[in-house]
């Protein structure tokens, strides 16, 4: 239903489900160099863009105090924008511009692509020959806490 397109240093998303294609979001200056790859990650919560500027960037909606209700089925685009599909496609609605949420810069050359591992993290590959694993630190913190709790609750004493 939505087509994302990198255009030079920026990107657009088009609703292609109707007879008239409509631009629903844009970011004209997303990177310092050309975008080489883009796609949704983490179940649609983020848009990932890779670029010749040696960086991978995460885009989305700014965190709010009014998160989505649990149990409400959402499309990836709704999770990404925080707007319903009808709000995105309303004739009088302006273009939605995503916020920069994070930047991962460690490659020595152009970032060529990425793989999404849901909420675990992202793997990027670059023209420098490196494959970098970017872990979700919040998920790692939760796992460490769970491991410590397990040790504390199942402690049998010194061996």
C-alpha atoms as a PDB file:
ATOM      1  CA  UNK A   1       0.000   0.000   0.000  1.00  0.00           C
ATOM      2  CA  UNK A   2       2.909   2.388   0.709  1.00  0.00           C
ATOM      3  CA  UNK A   3       5.993   2.864  -1.414  1.00  0.00           C
ATOM      4  CA  UNK A   4       9.112   4.378   0.148  1.00  0.00           C
ATOM      5  CA  UNK A   5      11.590   6.049  -2.187  1.00  0.00           C
ATOM      6  CA  UNK A   6      15.003   7.515  -1.513  1.00  0.00           C
ATOM      7  CA  UNK A   7      15.610  10.642  -3.562  1.00  0.00           C
ATOM      8  CA  UNK A   8      19.145  11.932  -3.259  1.00  0.00           C
ATOM      9  CA  UNK A   9      19.656  13.022   0.348  1.00  0.00           C
ATOM     10  CA  UNK A  10      16.016  12.520   1.384  1.00  0.00           C
ATOM     11  CA  UNK A  11      13.072  10.162   1.166  1.00  0.00           C
ATOM     12  CA  UNK A  12       9.341  10.124   0.498  1.00  0.00           C
ATOM     13  CA  UNK A  13       6.479   7.691   1.109  1.00  0.00           C
ATOM     14  CA  UNK A  14       3.621   7.391  -1.356  1.00  0.00           C
ATOM     15  CA  UNK A  15       0.190   5.849  -0.837  1.00  0.00           C
ATOM     16  CA  UNK A  16      -0.203   3.783  -3.999  1.00  0.00           C
ATOM     17  CA  UNK A  17      -3.471   2.076  -3.032  1.00  0.00           C
ATOM     18  CA  UNK A  18      -5.729   4.538  -4.830  1.00  0.00           C
ATOM     19  CA  UNK A  19      -5.915   5.756  -8.417  1.00  0.00           C
ATOM     20  CA  UNK A  20      -4.039   8.917  -7.504  1.00  0.00           C
ATOM     21  CA  UNK A  21      -0.693   8.333  -5.830  1.00  0.00           C
ATOM     22  CA  UNK A  22      -0.356  10.655  -2.866  1.00  0.00           C
ATOM     23  CA  UNK A  23       2.776  11.696  -0.988  1.00  0.00           C
ATOM     24  CA  UNK A  24       2.061  11.042   2.708  1.00  0.00           C
ATOM     25  CA  UNK A  25       5.447  11.800   4.241  1.00  0.00           C
ATOM     26  CA  UNK A  26       8.725  13.387   3.318  1.00  0.00           C
ATOM     27  CA  UNK A  27      12.153  14.228   4.641  1.00  0.00           C
ATOM     28  CA  UNK A  28      14.115  16.202   2.066  1.00  0.00           C
ATOM     29  CA  UNK A  29      17.439  16.389   3.957  1.00  0.00           C
ATOM     30  CA  UNK A  30      17.767  13.085   5.800  1.00  0.00           C
ATOM     31  CA  UNK A  31      21.511  12.566   5.218  1.00  0.00           C
ATOM     32  CA  UNK A  32      24.620  14.454   4.130  1.00  0.00           C
ATOM     33  CA  UNK A  33      25.063  12.170   1.101  1.00  0.00           C
ATOM     34  CA  UNK A  34      22.867   9.983  -1.087  1.00  0.00           C
ATOM     35  CA  UNK A  35      20.613   7.373   0.507  1.00  0.00           C
ATOM     36  CA  UNK A  36      21.599   3.850  -0.539  1.00  0.00           C
ATOM     37  CA  UNK A  37      18.953   1.773   1.248  1.00  0.00           C
ATOM     38  CA  UNK A  38      15.804   2.256   3.319  1.00  0.00           C
ATOM     39  CA  UNK A  39      13.136   0.123   4.964  1.00  0.00           C
ATOM     40  CA  UNK A  40      10.935  -0.318   8.012  1.00  0.00           C
ATOM     41  CA  UNK A  41      12.347  -2.053  11.102  1.00  0.00           C
ATOM     42  CA  UNK A  42      11.116  -3.299  14.487  1.00  0.00           C
ATOM     43  CA  UNK A  43       7.646  -4.174  13.247  1.00  0.00           C
ATOM     44  CA  UNK A  44       7.243  -0.803  11.560  1.00  0.00           C
ATOM     45  CA  UNK A  45       8.227   1.377  14.523  1.00  0.00           C
ATOM     46  CA  UNK A  46      11.232   2.844  12.718  1.00  0.00           C
ATOM     47  CA  UNK A  47      12.313   3.713   9.221  1.00  0.00           C
ATOM     48  CA  UNK A  48      15.984   2.894   8.706  1.00  0.00           C
ATOM     49  CA  UNK A  49      17.968   4.827   6.106  1.00  0.00           C
ATOM     50  CA  UNK A  50      21.508   3.978   5.009  1.00  0.00           C
ATOM     51  CA  UNK A  51      23.713   6.465   3.211  1.00  0.00           C
ATOM     52  CA  UNK A  52      26.999   7.214   1.515  1.00  0.00           C
ATOM     53  CA  UNK A  53      27.744   9.496   4.510  1.00  0.00           C
ATOM     54  CA  UNK A  54      28.803   6.346   6.467  1.00  0.00           C
ATOM     55  CA  UNK A  55      25.744   6.445   8.750  1.00  0.00           C
ATOM     56  CA  UNK A  56      22.568   4.515   9.380  1.00  0.00           C
ATOM     57  CA  UNK A  57      19.715   6.619  10.782  1.00  0.00           C
ATOM     58  CA  UNK A  58      16.492   5.706  12.562  1.00  0.00           C
ATOM     59  CA  UNK A  59      13.380   7.789  11.886  1.00  0.00           C
ATOM     60  CA  UNK A  60       9.937   7.763  13.456  1.00  0.00           C
ATOM     61  CA  UNK A  61       7.531   9.622  15.656  1.00  0.00           C
ATOM     62  CA  UNK A  62       8.702  11.376  18.762  1.00  0.00           C
ATOM     63  CA  UNK A  63       7.904   9.469  21.958  1.00  0.00           C
ATOM     64  CA  UNK A  64       4.638  10.657  23.464  1.00  0.00           C
ATOM     65  CA  UNK A  65       2.811  10.315  26.744  1.00  0.00           C
ATOM     66  CA  UNK A  66      -0.148   8.811  24.888  1.00  0.00           C
ATOM     67  CA  UNK A  67       1.114   5.503  23.464  1.00  0.00           C
ATOM     68  CA  UNK A  68      -1.083   3.219  21.376  1.00  0.00           C
ATOM     69  CA  UNK A  69      -3.507   1.070  23.314  1.00  0.00           C
ATOM     70  CA  UNK A  70      -2.425  -2.524  23.765  1.00  0.00           C
ATOM     71  CA  UNK A  71      -4.327  -5.033  21.679  1.00  0.00           C
ATOM     72  CA  UNK A  72      -5.251  -2.578  18.931  1.00  0.00           C
ATOM     73  CA  UNK A  73      -4.042  -4.019  15.615  1.00  0.00           C
ATOM     74  CA  UNK A  74      -1.833  -1.552  13.781  1.00  0.00           C
ATOM     75  CA  UNK A  75      -0.284  -1.531  10.352  1.00  0.00           C
ATOM     76  CA  UNK A  76       3.472  -0.898  10.173  1.00  0.00           C
ATOM     77  CA  UNK A  77       2.767   2.565   8.752  1.00  0.00           C
ATOM     78  CA  UNK A  78       0.482   3.394  11.708  1.00  0.00           C
ATOM     79  CA  UNK A  79       3.169   2.279  14.179  1.00  0.00           C
ATOM     80  CA  UNK A  80       5.774   4.330  12.316  1.00  0.00           C
ATOM     81  CA  UNK A  81       3.820   7.589  12.046  1.00  0.00           C
ATOM     82  CA  UNK A  82       1.522   7.385  15.067  1.00  0.00           C
ATOM     83  CA  UNK A  83      -1.341   8.279  12.725  1.00  0.00           C
ATOM     84  CA  UNK A  84      -4.167   6.123  11.439  1.00  0.00           C
ATOM     85  CA  UNK A  85      -4.283   5.377   7.720  1.00  0.00           C
ATOM     86  CA  UNK A  86      -7.342   7.618   7.354  1.00  0.00           C
ATOM     87  CA  UNK A  87      -5.477  10.509   9.024  1.00  0.00           C
ATOM     88  CA  UNK A  88      -2.513  10.011   6.690  1.00  0.00           C
ATOM     89  CA  UNK A  89      -4.737  10.002   3.617  1.00  0.00           C
ATOM     90  CA  UNK A  90      -7.079  12.828   4.602  1.00  0.00           C
ATOM     91  CA  UNK A  91      -7.290  15.306   1.714  1.00  0.00           C
ATOM     92  CA  UNK A  92      -6.557  18.324   3.916  1.00  0.00           C
ATOM     93  CA  UNK A  93      -3.730  16.712   5.892  1.00  0.00           C
ATOM     94  CA  UNK A  94      -0.260  18.102   5.372  1.00  0.00           C
ATOM     95  CA  UNK A  95       2.798  15.996   4.783  1.00  0.00           C
ATOM     96  CA  UNK A  96       4.017  14.217   7.879  1.00  0.00           C
ATOM     97  CA  UNK A  97       7.746  14.610   8.527  1.00  0.00           C
ATOM     98  CA  UNK A  98       9.421  11.961  10.693  1.00  0.00           C
ATOM     99  CA  UNK A  99      11.809  12.822  13.524  1.00  0.00           C
ATOM    100  CA  UNK A 100      15.412  11.647  13.704  1.00  0.00           C
ATOM    101  CA  UNK A 101      15.483   9.192  16.624  1.00  0.00           C
ATOM    102  CA  UNK A 102      18.981   7.793  16.340  1.00  0.00           C
ATOM    103  CA  UNK A 103      22.154   7.661  14.308  1.00  0.00           C
ATOM    104  CA  UNK A 104      24.644   4.789  14.031  1.00  0.00           C
ATOM    105  CA  UNK A 105      27.976   5.921  12.585  1.00  0.00           C
ATOM    106  CA  UNK A 106      30.921   3.507  12.603  1.00  0.00           C
ATOM    107  CA  UNK A 107      31.482   2.480   9.003  1.00  0.00           C
ATOM    108  CA  UNK A 108      34.524   3.687   7.100  1.00  0.00           C
ATOM    109  CA  UNK A 109      32.591   3.865   3.844  1.00  0.00           C
ATOM    110  CA  UNK A 110      29.102   3.973   2.420  1.00  0.00           C
ATOM    111  CA  UNK A 111      26.483   1.945   4.327  1.00  0.00           C
ATOM    112  CA  UNK A 112      25.056  -0.391   1.686  1.00  0.00           C
ATOM    113  CA  UNK A 113      22.258  -2.186   3.514  1.00  0.00           C
ATOM    114  CA  UNK A 114      20.781  -3.457   6.759  1.00  0.00           C
ATOM    115  CA  UNK A 115      18.993  -6.450   8.243  1.00  0.00           C
ATOM    116  CA  UNK A 116      16.311  -6.046  10.883  1.00  0.00           C
ATOM    117  CA  UNK A 117      16.187  -8.417  13.851  1.00  0.00           C
ATOM    118  CA  UNK A 118      12.921  -7.029  15.237  1.00  0.00           C
ATOM    119  CA  UNK A 119      13.538  -5.529  18.686  1.00  0.00           C
ATOM    120  CA  UNK A 120      16.892  -7.310  19.106  1.00  0.00           C
ATOM    121  CA  UNK A 121      18.817  -4.893  16.903  1.00  0.00           C
ATOM    122  CA  UNK A 122      19.972  -4.125  13.383  1.00  0.00           C
ATOM    123  CA  UNK A 123      22.909  -5.371  11.339  1.00  0.00           C
ATOM    124  CA  UNK A 124      24.483  -3.007   8.810  1.00  0.00           C
ATOM    125  CA  UNK A 125      26.955  -3.739   6.043  1.00  0.00           C
ATOM    126  CA  UNK A 126      29.170  -1.202   4.353  1.00  0.00           C
ATOM    127  CA  UNK A 127      31.464  -0.653   1.408  1.00  0.00           C
ATOM    128  CA  UNK A 128      34.345  -0.831   3.903  1.00  0.00           C
ATOM    129  CA  UNK A 129      33.735  -4.594   4.185  1.00  0.00           C
ATOM    130  CA  UNK A 130      32.425  -4.370   7.756  1.00  0.00           C
ATOM    131  CA  UNK A 131      29.270  -5.962   9.098  1.00  0.00           C
ATOM    132  CA  UNK A 132      28.226  -4.203  12.318  1.00  0.00           C
ATOM    133  CA  UNK A 133      25.677  -5.488  14.823  1.00  0.00           C
ATOM    134  CA  UNK A 134      23.783  -2.652  16.507  1.00  0.00           C
ATOM    135  CA  UNK A 135      22.112  -4.081  19.610  1.00  0.00           C
ATOM    136  CA  UNK A 136      19.043  -2.660  21.285  1.00  0.00           C
ATOM    137  CA  UNK A 137      20.506  -1.601  24.638  1.00  0.00           C
ATOM    138  CA  UNK A 138      17.102  -1.473  26.339  1.00  0.00           C
ATOM    139  CA  UNK A 139      16.443  -5.100  25.378  1.00  0.00           C
ATOM    140  CA  UNK A 140      19.932  -6.085  26.565  1.00  0.00           C
ATOM    141  CA  UNK A 141      19.354  -4.329  29.910  1.00  0.00           C
ATOM    142  CA  UNK A 142      16.081  -6.215  30.425  1.00  0.00           C
ATOM    143  CA  UNK A 143      17.787  -9.531  29.640  1.00  0.00           C
ATOM    144  CA  UNK A 144      20.651  -8.835  32.060  1.00  0.00           C
ATOM    145  CA  UNK A 145      18.170  -7.930  34.805  1.00  0.00           C
ATOM    146  CA  UNK A 146      16.191 -11.112  34.165  1.00  0.00           C
ATOM    147  CA  UNK A 147      19.376 -13.199  34.363  1.00  0.00           C
ATOM    148  CA  UNK A 148      20.360 -11.584  37.677  1.00  0.00           C
ATOM    149  CA  UNK A 149      16.854 -12.087  39.082  1.00  0.00           C
ATOM    150  CA  UNK A 150      16.940 -15.735  38.068  1.00  0.00           C
ATOM    151  CA  UNK A 151      20.268 -16.201  39.847  1.00  0.00           C
ATOM    152  CA  UNK A 152      19.034 -14.445  42.986  1.00  0.00           C
ATOM    153  CA  UNK A 153      15.745 -16.331  43.205  1.00  0.00           C
ATOM    154  CA  UNK A 154      17.303 -19.747  42.536  1.00  0.00           C
ATOM    155  CA  UNK A 155      20.336 -19.328  44.760  1.00  0.00           C
ATOM    156  CA  UNK A 156      21.212 -22.596  46.495  1.00  0.00           C
ATOM    157  CA  UNK A 157      24.094 -21.181  48.502  1.00  0.00           C
ATOM    158  CA  UNK A 158      27.836 -21.590  48.028  1.00  0.00           C
ATOM    159  CA  UNK A 159      29.056 -24.651  46.211  1.00  0.00           C
END
